[in-house]
Amino acid sequence: MPEMLFHVRWPDGAESRCYSPSLVVADHLACGQSYRVPDFLARSRAALTEASARVQARYGFPCGRALAQRDEIERRCAAFADTPDAQVHVVGFDQHSS
């Protein structure tokens, strides 16, 4: 199953490398695009939940790493909840085969 790393820049300028066990992230996020934090959160949740479900369909168990990544994104987004115009920028994608 191909894996994907997606790199994001948070509103405070920090960058993160995020993991997905599936390329489905590219169906939800666009490289070079900025998203308001609530939109980024919703898109990331959908992508990582779908990616984990794909792992479960193929291997019989959900992807703990994808779900942990989803939880980490939720924690990071919570830090910007009081900043209504805060945006997360998708810096790039790296695709890997597992």
PDB file of N, CA and C in Angstrom:
ATOM      1  N   MET A   1       0.859  -1.166   0.000  1.00  0.00           N
ATOM      2  CA  MET A   1       0.000   0.000   0.000  1.00  0.00           C
ATOM      3  C   MET A   1       0.910   1.237   0.000  1.00  0.00           C
ATOM      4  N   PRO A   2       0.702   2.165  -0.905  1.00  0.00           N
ATOM      5  CA  PRO A   2       1.569   3.354  -0.922  1.00  0.00           C
ATOM      6  C   PRO A   2       1.297   4.264   0.271  1.00  0.00           C
ATOM      7  N   GLU A   3       2.354   4.762   0.831  1.00  0.00           N
ATOM      8  CA  GLU A   3       2.253   5.702   1.947  1.00  0.00           C
ATOM      9  C   GLU A   3       2.498   7.108   1.438  1.00  0.00           C
ATOM     10  N   MET A   4       2.066   8.083   2.218  1.00  0.00           N
ATOM     11  CA  MET A   4       2.291   9.475   1.849  1.00  0.00           C
ATOM     12  C   MET A   4       2.656  10.272   3.089  1.00  0.00           C
ATOM     13  N   LEU A   5       3.634  11.134   2.919  1.00  0.00           N
ATOM     14  CA  LEU A   5       3.927  12.143   3.924  1.00  0.00           C
ATOM     15  C   LEU A   5       3.435  13.461   3.358  1.00  0.00           C
ATOM     16  N   PHE A   6       2.751  14.227   4.181  1.00  0.00           N
ATOM     17  CA  PHE A   6       2.349  15.560   3.743  1.00  0.00           C
ATOM     18  C   PHE A   6       2.899  16.564   4.735  1.00  0.00           C
ATOM     19  N   HIS A   7       3.497  17.599   4.185  1.00  0.00           N
ATOM     20  CA  HIS A   7       4.180  18.612   4.981  1.00  0.00           C
ATOM     21  C   HIS A   7       3.285  19.837   5.084  1.00  0.00           C
ATOM     22  N   VAL A   8       3.101  20.313   6.311  1.00  0.00           N
ATOM     23  CA  VAL A   8       2.241  21.480   6.520  1.00  0.00           C
ATOM     24  C   VAL A   8       2.978  22.549   7.317  1.00  0.00           C
ATOM     25  N   ARG A   9       2.579  23.785   7.089  1.00  0.00           N
ATOM     26  CA  ARG A   9       3.077  24.923   7.868  1.00  0.00           C
ATOM     27  C   ARG A   9       1.903  25.463   8.671  1.00  0.00           C
ATOM     28  N   TRP A  10       2.078  25.494   9.965  1.00  0.00           N
ATOM     29  CA  TRP A  10       1.037  25.950  10.879  1.00  0.00           C
ATOM     30  C   TRP A  10       1.003  27.481  10.934  1.00  0.00           C
ATOM     31  N   PRO A  11      -0.058  28.039  11.469  1.00  0.00           N
ATOM     32  CA  PRO A  11      -0.164  29.514  11.535  1.00  0.00           C
ATOM     33  C   PRO A  11       0.978  30.190  12.297  1.00  0.00           C
ATOM     34  N   ASP A  12       1.626  29.466  13.210  1.00  0.00           N
ATOM     35  CA  ASP A  12       2.736  30.055  13.965  1.00  0.00           C
ATOM     36  C   ASP A  12       4.077  29.911  13.248  1.00  0.00           C
ATOM     37  N   GLY A  13       4.063  29.355  12.026  1.00  0.00           N
ATOM     38  CA  GLY A  13       5.280  29.205  11.235  1.00  0.00           C
ATOM     39  C   GLY A  13       5.974  27.862  11.402  1.00  0.00           C
ATOM     40  N   ALA A  14       5.582  27.094  12.397  1.00  0.00           N
ATOM     41  CA  ALA A  14       6.173  25.767  12.595  1.00  0.00           C
ATOM     42  C   ALA A  14       5.732  24.848  11.457  1.00  0.00           C
ATOM     43  N   GLU A  15       6.599  23.896  11.120  1.00  0.00           N
ATOM     44  CA  GLU A  15       6.255  22.934  10.077  1.00  0.00           C
ATOM     45  C   GLU A  15       6.192  21.534  10.662  1.00  0.00           C
ATOM     46  N   SER A  16       5.307  20.726  10.113  1.00  0.00           N
ATOM     47  CA  SER A  16       5.157  19.332  10.537  1.00  0.00           C
ATOM     48  C   SER A  16       5.158  18.432   9.323  1.00  0.00           C
ATOM     49  N   ARG A  17       5.692  17.246   9.530  1.00  0.00           N
ATOM     50  CA  ARG A  17       5.622  16.188   8.529  1.00  0.00           C
ATOM     51  C   ARG A  17       4.580  15.205   9.042  1.00  0.00           C
ATOM     52  N   CYS A  18       3.529  15.011   8.266  1.00  0.00           N
ATOM     53  CA  CYS A  18       2.402  14.181   8.687  1.00  0.00           C
ATOM     54  C   CYS A  18       2.346  12.910   7.845  1.00  0.00           C
ATOM     55  N   TYR A  19       1.861  11.828   8.449  1.00  0.00           N
ATOM     56  CA  TYR A  19       1.859  10.517   7.817  1.00  0.00           C
ATOM     57  C   TYR A  19       0.454  10.067   7.433  1.00  0.00           C
ATOM     58  N   SER A  20       0.358   9.419   6.287  1.00  0.00           N
ATOM     59  CA  SER A  20      -0.860   8.725   5.875  1.00  0.00           C
ATOM     60  C   SER A  20      -0.456   7.398   5.232  1.00  0.00           C
ATOM     61  N   PRO A  21      -1.178   6.320   5.560  1.00  0.00           N
ATOM     62  CA  PRO A  21      -0.864   5.031   4.945  1.00  0.00           C
ATOM     63  C   PRO A  21      -1.439   4.898   3.535  1.00  0.00           C
ATOM     64  N   SER A  22      -2.053   5.949   3.049  1.00  0.00           N
ATOM     65  CA  SER A  22      -2.715   5.913   1.745  1.00  0.00           C
ATOM     66  C   SER A  22      -2.542   7.254   1.050  1.00  0.00           C
ATOM     67  N   LEU A  23      -2.648   7.237  -0.266  1.00  0.00           N
ATOM     68  CA  LEU A  23      -2.557   8.472  -1.047  1.00  0.00           C
ATOM     69  C   LEU A  23      -3.841   9.288  -1.008  1.00  0.00           C
ATOM     70  N   VAL A  24      -4.840   8.817  -0.273  1.00  0.00           N
ATOM     71  CA  VAL A  24      -6.142   9.487  -0.216  1.00  0.00           C
ATOM     72  C   VAL A  24      -6.034  10.932   0.276  1.00  0.00           C
ATOM     73  N   VAL A  25      -4.974  11.262   0.961  1.00  0.00           N
ATOM     74  CA  VAL A  25      -4.792  12.639   1.444  1.00  0.00           C
ATOM     75  C   VAL A  25      -4.864  13.629   0.281  1.00  0.00           C
ATOM     76  N   ALA A  26      -4.321  13.235  -0.862  1.00  0.00           N
ATOM     77  CA  ALA A  26      -4.323  14.125  -2.034  1.00  0.00           C
ATOM     78  C   ALA A  26      -5.735  14.360  -2.576  1.00  0.00           C
ATOM     79  N   ASP A  27      -6.699  13.547  -2.172  1.00  0.00           N
ATOM     80  CA  ASP A  27      -8.097  13.777  -2.553  1.00  0.00           C
ATOM     81  C   ASP A  27      -8.755  14.835  -1.668  1.00  0.00           C
ATOM     82  N   HIS A  28      -8.124  15.125  -0.531  1.00  0.00           N
ATOM     83  CA  HIS A  28      -8.709  16.038   0.453  1.00  0.00           C
ATOM     84  C   HIS A  28      -7.930  17.340   0.617  1.00  0.00           C
ATOM     85  N   LEU A  29      -6.635  17.293   0.330  1.00  0.00           N
ATOM     86  CA  LEU A  29      -5.769  18.464   0.480  1.00  0.00           C
ATOM     87  C   LEU A  29      -4.985  18.675  -0.811  1.00  0.00           C
ATOM     88  N   ALA A  30      -4.746  19.926  -1.143  1.00  0.00           N
ATOM     89  CA  ALA A  30      -3.980  20.254  -2.352  1.00  0.00           C
ATOM     90  C   ALA A  30      -2.639  20.869  -1.966  1.00  0.00           C
ATOM     91  N   CYS A  31      -1.593  20.397  -2.619  1.00  0.00           N
ATOM     92  CA  CYS A  31      -0.262  20.935  -2.408  1.00  0.00           C
ATOM     93  C   CYS A  31      -0.254  22.417  -2.792  1.00  0.00           C
ATOM     94  N   GLY A  32       0.318  23.241  -1.910  1.00  0.00           N
ATOM     95  CA  GLY A  32       0.401  24.672  -2.168  1.00  0.00           C
ATOM     96  C   GLY A  32      -0.808  25.459  -1.710  1.00  0.00           C
ATOM     97  N   GLN A  33      -1.823  24.777  -1.237  1.00  0.00           N
ATOM     98  CA  GLN A  33      -3.074  25.419  -0.816  1.00  0.00           C
ATOM     99  C   GLN A  33      -3.032  25.724   0.678  1.00  0.00           C
ATOM    100  N   SER A  34      -3.650  26.828   1.062  1.00  0.00           N
ATOM    101  CA  SER A  34      -3.832  27.155   2.474  1.00  0.00           C
ATOM    102  C   SER A  34      -5.297  26.973   2.831  1.00  0.00           C
ATOM    103  N   TYR A  35      -5.531  26.482   4.047  1.00  0.00           N
ATOM    104  CA  TYR A  35      -6.884  26.221   4.524  1.00  0.00           C
ATOM    105  C   TYR A  35      -7.059  26.858   5.897  1.00  0.00           C
ATOM    106  N   ARG A  36      -8.215  27.453   6.130  1.00  0.00           N
ATOM    107  CA  ARG A  36      -8.509  27.899   7.488  1.00  0.00           C
ATOM    108  C   ARG A  36      -8.455  26.679   8.390  1.00  0.00           C
ATOM    109  N   VAL A  37      -8.070  26.886   9.631  1.00  0.00           N
ATOM    110  CA  VAL A  37      -7.836  25.775  10.553  1.00  0.00           C
ATOM    111  C   VAL A  37      -9.028  24.816  10.633  1.00  0.00           C
ATOM    112  N   PRO A  38     -10.278  25.282  10.804  1.00  0.00           N
ATOM    113  CA  PRO A  38     -11.387  24.320  10.883  1.00  0.00           C
ATOM    114  C   PRO A  38     -11.556  23.490   9.598  1.00  0.00           C
ATOM    115  N   ASP A  39     -11.317  24.101   8.449  1.00  0.00           N
ATOM    116  CA  ASP A  39     -11.411  23.385   7.181  1.00  0.00           C
ATOM    117  C   ASP A  39     -10.290  22.358   7.062  1.00  0.00           C
ATOM    118  N   PHE A  40      -9.071  22.763   7.412  1.00  0.00           N
ATOM    119  CA  PHE A  40      -7.947  21.833   7.386  1.00  0.00           C
ATOM    120  C   PHE A  40      -8.210  20.652   8.317  1.00  0.00           C
ATOM    121  N   LEU A  41      -8.724  20.935   9.497  1.00  0.00           N
ATOM    122  CA  LEU A  41      -9.018  19.886  10.461  1.00  0.00           C
ATOM    123  C   LEU A  41     -10.040  18.900   9.902  1.00  0.00           C
ATOM    124  N   ALA A  42     -11.116  19.412   9.332  1.00  0.00           N
ATOM    125  CA  ALA A  42     -12.156  18.543   8.764  1.00  0.00           C
ATOM    126  C   ALA A  42     -11.602  17.699   7.619  1.00  0.00           C
ATOM    127  N   ARG A  43     -10.826  18.322   6.745  1.00  0.00           N
ATOM    128  CA  ARG A  43     -10.255  17.592   5.610  1.00  0.00           C
ATOM    129  C   ARG A  43      -9.256  16.529   6.081  1.00  0.00           C
ATOM    130  N   SER A  44      -8.427  16.874   7.043  1.00  0.00           N
ATOM    131  CA  SER A  44      -7.446  15.927   7.568  1.00  0.00           C
ATOM    132  C   SER A  44      -8.126  14.757   8.270  1.00  0.00           C
ATOM    133  N   ARG A  45      -9.128  15.058   9.076  1.00  0.00           N
ATOM    134  CA  ARG A  45      -9.878  13.985   9.742  1.00  0.00           C
ATOM    135  C   ARG A  45     -10.460  13.021   8.724  1.00  0.00           C
ATOM    136  N   ALA A  46     -11.109  13.573   7.705  1.00  0.00           N
ATOM    137  CA  ALA A  46     -11.729  12.732   6.677  1.00  0.00           C
ATOM    138  C   ALA A  46     -10.680  11.883   5.970  1.00  0.00           C
ATOM    139  N   ALA A  47      -9.564  12.494   5.590  1.00  0.00           N
ATOM    140  CA  ALA A  47      -8.513  11.774   4.854  1.00  0.00           C
ATOM    141  C   ALA A  47      -7.904  10.667   5.693  1.00  0.00           C
ATOM    142  N   LEU A  48      -7.548  10.966   6.933  1.00  0.00           N
ATOM    143  CA  LEU A  48      -6.868   9.976   7.761  1.00  0.00           C
ATOM    144  C   LEU A  48      -7.814   8.886   8.243  1.00  0.00           C
ATOM    145  N   THR A  49      -9.069   9.223   8.453  1.00  0.00           N
ATOM    146  CA  THR A  49     -10.059   8.201   8.804  1.00  0.00           C
ATOM    147  C   THR A  49     -10.269   7.260   7.624  1.00  0.00           C
ATOM    148  N   GLU A  50     -10.369   7.824   6.429  1.00  0.00           N
ATOM    149  CA  GLU A  50     -10.519   7.008   5.220  1.00  0.00           C
ATOM    150  C   GLU A  50      -9.274   6.153   4.982  1.00  0.00           C
ATOM    151  N   ALA A  51      -8.106   6.720   5.189  1.00  0.00           N
ATOM    152  CA  ALA A  51      -6.858   5.965   5.001  1.00  0.00           C
ATOM    153  C   ALA A  51      -6.801   4.787   5.969  1.00  0.00           C
ATOM    154  N   SER A  52      -7.168   5.014   7.217  1.00  0.00           N
ATOM    155  CA  SER A  52      -7.171   3.938   8.201  1.00  0.00           C
ATOM    156  C   SER A  52      -8.185   2.860   7.825  1.00  0.00           C
ATOM    157  N   ALA A  53      -9.331   3.269   7.319  1.00  0.00           N
ATOM    158  CA  ALA A  53     -10.356   2.311   6.892  1.00  0.00           C
ATOM    159  C   ALA A  53      -9.858   1.470   5.720  1.00  0.00           C
ATOM    160  N   ARG A  54      -9.075   2.063   4.839  1.00  0.00           N
ATOM    161  CA  ARG A  54      -8.504   1.298   3.720  1.00  0.00           C
ATOM    162  C   ARG A  54      -7.544   0.223   4.228  1.00  0.00           C
ATOM    163  N   VAL A  55      -6.759   0.575   5.237  1.00  0.00           N
ATOM    164  CA  VAL A  55      -5.855  -0.407   5.842  1.00  0.00           C
ATOM    165  C   VAL A  55      -6.687  -1.530   6.468  1.00  0.00           C
ATOM    166  N   GLN A  56      -7.745  -1.156   7.177  1.00  0.00           N
ATOM    167  CA  GLN A  56      -8.584  -2.168   7.814  1.00  0.00           C
ATOM    168  C   GLN A  56      -9.220  -3.100   6.773  1.00  0.00           C
ATOM    169  N   ALA A  57      -9.676  -2.538   5.677  1.00  0.00           N
ATOM    170  CA  ALA A  57     -10.281  -3.358   4.629  1.00  0.00           C
ATOM    171  C   ALA A  57      -9.268  -4.341   4.040  1.00  0.00           C
ATOM    172  N   ARG A  58      -8.036  -3.907   3.956  1.00  0.00           N
ATOM    173  CA  ARG A  58      -7.014  -4.754   3.333  1.00  0.00           C
ATOM    174  C   ARG A  58      -6.374  -5.746   4.301  1.00  0.00           C
ATOM    175  N   TYR A  59      -6.122  -5.296   5.546  1.00  0.00           N
ATOM    176  CA  TYR A  59      -5.362  -6.112   6.488  1.00  0.00           C
ATOM    177  C   TYR A  59      -6.168  -6.595   7.700  1.00  0.00           C
ATOM    178  N   GLY A  60      -7.384  -6.089   7.861  1.00  0.00           N
ATOM    179  CA  GLY A  60      -8.222  -6.547   8.959  1.00  0.00           C
ATOM    180  C   GLY A  60      -8.099  -5.765  10.251  1.00  0.00           C
ATOM    181  N   PHE A  61      -7.321  -4.702  10.249  1.00  0.00           N
ATOM    182  CA  PHE A  61      -7.187  -3.854  11.434  1.00  0.00           C
ATOM    183  C   PHE A  61      -6.937  -2.421  10.991  1.00  0.00           C
ATOM    184  N   PRO A  62      -7.401  -1.437  11.771  1.00  0.00           N
ATOM    185  CA  PRO A  62      -7.185  -0.038  11.390  1.00  0.00           C
ATOM    186  C   PRO A  62      -5.719   0.354  11.552  1.00  0.00           C
ATOM    187  N   CYS A  63      -5.356   1.438  10.925  1.00  0.00           N
ATOM    188  CA  CYS A  63      -3.974   1.928  10.999  1.00  0.00           C
ATOM    189  C   CYS A  63      -3.822   2.842  12.218  1.00  0.00           C
ATOM    190  N   GLY A  64      -3.178   2.326  13.248  1.00  0.00           N
ATOM    191  CA  GLY A  64      -2.963   3.106  14.463  1.00  0.00           C
ATOM    192  C   GLY A  64      -2.134   4.354  14.218  1.00  0.00           C
ATOM    193  N   ARG A  65      -1.198   4.265  13.294  1.00  0.00           N
ATOM    194  CA  ARG A  65      -0.338   5.422  13.011  1.00  0.00           C
ATOM    195  C   ARG A  65      -1.149   6.551  12.360  1.00  0.00           C
ATOM    196  N   ALA A  66      -2.076   6.202  11.469  1.00  0.00           N
ATOM    197  CA  ALA A  66      -2.934   7.218  10.843  1.00  0.00           C
ATOM    198  C   ALA A  66      -3.847   7.849  11.880  1.00  0.00           C
ATOM    199  N   LEU A  67      -4.386   7.033  12.777  1.00  0.00           N
ATOM    200  CA  LEU A  67      -5.285   7.566  13.805  1.00  0.00           C
ATOM    201  C   LEU A  67      -4.516   8.431  14.799  1.00  0.00           C
ATOM    202  N   ALA A  68      -3.285   8.050  15.101  1.00  0.00           N
ATOM    203  CA  ALA A  68      -2.450   8.881  15.974  1.00  0.00           C
ATOM    204  C   ALA A  68      -2.116  10.206  15.291  1.00  0.00           C
ATOM    205  N   GLN A  69      -1.868  10.171  13.977  1.00  0.00           N
ATOM    206  CA  GLN A  69      -1.602  11.402  13.232  1.00  0.00           C
ATOM    207  C   GLN A  69      -2.822  12.312  13.250  1.00  0.00           C
ATOM    208  N   ARG A  70      -3.995  11.711  13.074  1.00  0.00           N
ATOM    209  CA  ARG A  70      -5.247  12.474  13.144  1.00  0.00           C
ATOM    210  C   ARG A  70      -5.384  13.151  14.508  1.00  0.00           C
ATOM    211  N   ASP A  71      -5.084  12.411  15.572  1.00  0.00           N
ATOM    212  CA  ASP A  71      -5.167  12.973  16.928  1.00  0.00           C
ATOM    213  C   ASP A  71      -4.174  14.119  17.111  1.00  0.00           C
ATOM    214  N   GLU A  72      -2.976  13.970  16.567  1.00  0.00           N
ATOM    215  CA  GLU A  72      -1.965  15.029  16.677  1.00  0.00           C
ATOM    216  C   GLU A  72      -2.402  16.284  15.927  1.00  0.00           C
ATOM    217  N   ILE A  73      -2.979  16.114  14.756  1.00  0.00           N
ATOM    218  CA  ILE A  73      -3.486  17.271  14.000  1.00  0.00           C
ATOM    219  C   ILE A  73      -4.606  17.953  14.781  1.00  0.00           C
ATOM    220  N   GLU A  74      -5.467  17.172  15.410  1.00  0.00           N
ATOM    221  CA  GLU A  74      -6.535  17.758  16.226  1.00  0.00           C
ATOM    222  C   GLU A  74      -5.955  18.587  17.366  1.00  0.00           C
ATOM    223  N   ARG A  75      -4.903  18.076  18.021  1.00  0.00           N
ATOM    224  CA  ARG A  75      -4.257  18.828  19.110  1.00  0.00           C
ATOM    225  C   ARG A  75      -3.631  20.118  18.596  1.00  0.00           C
ATOM    226  N   ARG A  76      -2.938  20.035  17.462  1.00  0.00           N
ATOM    227  CA  ARG A  76      -2.299  21.232  16.901  1.00  0.00           C
ATOM    228  C   ARG A  76      -3.333  22.273  16.507  1.00  0.00           C
ATOM    229  N   CYS A  77      -4.418  21.834  15.895  1.00  0.00           N
ATOM    230  CA  CYS A  77      -5.470  22.771  15.469  1.00  0.00           C
ATOM    231  C   CYS A  77      -6.137  23.444  16.663  1.00  0.00           C
ATOM    232  N   ALA A  78      -6.277  22.720  17.760  1.00  0.00           N
ATOM    233  CA  ALA A  78      -6.908  23.281  18.963  1.00  0.00           C
ATOM    234  C   ALA A  78      -6.145  24.507  19.470  1.00  0.00           C
ATOM    235  N   ALA A  79      -4.847  24.540  19.243  1.00  0.00           N
ATOM    236  CA  ALA A  79      -4.030  25.672  19.695  1.00  0.00           C
ATOM    237  C   ALA A  79      -4.386  26.965  18.971  1.00  0.00           C
ATOM    238  N   PHE A  80      -5.055  26.855  17.819  1.00  0.00           N
ATOM    239  CA  PHE A  80      -5.395  28.037  17.019  1.00  0.00           C
ATOM    240  C   PHE A  80      -6.903  28.308  17.007  1.00  0.00           C
ATOM    241  N   ALA A  81      -7.619  27.670  17.905  1.00  0.00           N
ATOM    242  CA  ALA A  81      -9.081  27.797  17.942  1.00  0.00           C
ATOM    243  C   ALA A  81      -9.541  29.238  18.175  1.00  0.00           C
ATOM    244  N   ASP A  82      -8.747  30.022  18.880  1.00  0.00           N
ATOM    245  CA  ASP A  82      -9.122  31.410  19.177  1.00  0.00           C
ATOM    246  C   ASP A  82      -8.610  32.400  18.139  1.00  0.00           C
ATOM    247  N   THR A  83      -8.067  31.907  17.044  1.00  0.00           N
ATOM    248  CA  THR A  83      -7.560  32.759  15.971  1.00  0.00           C
ATOM    249  C   THR A  83      -8.367  32.457  14.712  1.00  0.00           C
ATOM    250  N   PRO A  84      -9.477  33.187  14.500  1.00  0.00           N
ATOM    251  CA  PRO A  84     -10.426  32.832  13.440  1.00  0.00           C
ATOM    252  C   PRO A  84      -9.862  32.823  12.017  1.00  0.00           C
ATOM    253  N   ASP A  85      -8.881  33.636  11.724  1.00  0.00           N
ATOM    254  CA  ASP A  85      -8.350  33.691  10.358  1.00  0.00           C
ATOM    255  C   ASP A  85      -7.089  32.847  10.165  1.00  0.00           C
ATOM    256  N   ALA A  86      -6.710  32.077  11.193  1.00  0.00           N
ATOM    257  CA  ALA A  86      -5.502  31.257  11.105  1.00  0.00           C
ATOM    258  C   ALA A  86      -5.650  30.225   9.991  1.00  0.00           C
ATOM    259  N   GLN A  87      -4.549  30.031   9.257  1.00  0.00           N
ATOM    260  CA  GLN A  87      -4.552  29.081   8.144  1.00  0.00           C
ATOM    261  C   GLN A  87      -3.379  28.124   8.241  1.00  0.00           C
ATOM    262  N   VAL A  88      -3.614  26.922   7.733  1.00  0.00           N
ATOM    263  CA  VAL A  88      -2.573  25.903   7.624  1.00  0.00           C
ATOM    264  C   VAL A  88      -2.243  25.778   6.139  1.00  0.00           C
ATOM    265  N   HIS A  89      -0.962  25.821   5.823  1.00  0.00           N
ATOM    266  CA  HIS A  89      -0.510  25.739   4.435  1.00  0.00           C
ATOM    267  C   HIS A  89       0.049  24.341   4.160  1.00  0.00           C
ATOM    268  N   VAL A  90      -0.410  23.714   3.092  1.00  0.00           N
ATOM    269  CA  VAL A  90       0.114  22.408   2.677  1.00  0.00           C
ATOM    270  C   VAL A  90       1.341  22.663   1.810  1.00  0.00           C
ATOM    271  N   VAL A  91       2.500  22.369   2.353  1.00  0.00           N
ATOM    272  CA  VAL A  91       3.772  22.666   1.700  1.00  0.00           C
ATOM    273  C   VAL A  91       4.071  21.664   0.592  1.00  0.00           C
ATOM    274  N   GLY A  92       3.817  20.385   0.847  1.00  0.00           N
ATOM    275  CA  GLY A  92       4.125  19.390  -0.183  1.00  0.00           C
ATOM    276  C   GLY A  92       3.758  17.983   0.229  1.00  0.00           C
ATOM    277  N   PHE A  93       3.896  17.063  -0.728  1.00  0.00           N
ATOM    278  CA  PHE A  93       3.613  15.644  -0.541  1.00  0.00           C
ATOM    279  C   PHE A  93       4.850  14.836  -0.921  1.00  0.00           C
ATOM    280  N   ASP A  94       5.071  13.758  -0.196  1.00  0.00           N
ATOM    281  CA  ASP A  94       6.088  12.761  -0.543  1.00  0.00           C
ATOM    282  C   ASP A  94       5.393  11.420  -0.551  1.00  0.00           C
ATOM    283  N   GLN A  95       5.528  10.681  -1.646  1.00  0.00           N
ATOM    284  CA  GLN A  95       4.894   9.377  -1.778  1.00  0.00           C
ATOM    285  C   GLN A  95       5.940   8.279  -1.627  1.00  0.00           C
ATOM    286  N   HIS A  96       5.578   7.230  -0.884  1.00  0.00           N
ATOM    287  CA  HIS A  96       6.466   6.093  -0.675  1.00  0.00           C
ATOM    288  C   HIS A  96       5.674   4.813  -0.851  1.00  0.00           C
ATOM    289  N   SER A  97       6.326   3.751  -1.290  1.00  0.00           N
ATOM    290  CA  SER A  97       5.695   2.441  -1.370  1.00  0.00           C
ATOM    291  C   SER A  97       6.129   1.638  -0.153  1.00  0.00           C
ATOM    292  N   SER A  98       5.173   0.922   0.432  1.00  0.00           N
ATOM    293  CA  SER A  98       5.530   0.094   1.599  1.00  0.00           C
ATOM    294  C   SER A  98       5.673  -1.349   1.207  1.00  0.00           C
TER     295      SER A  98
END
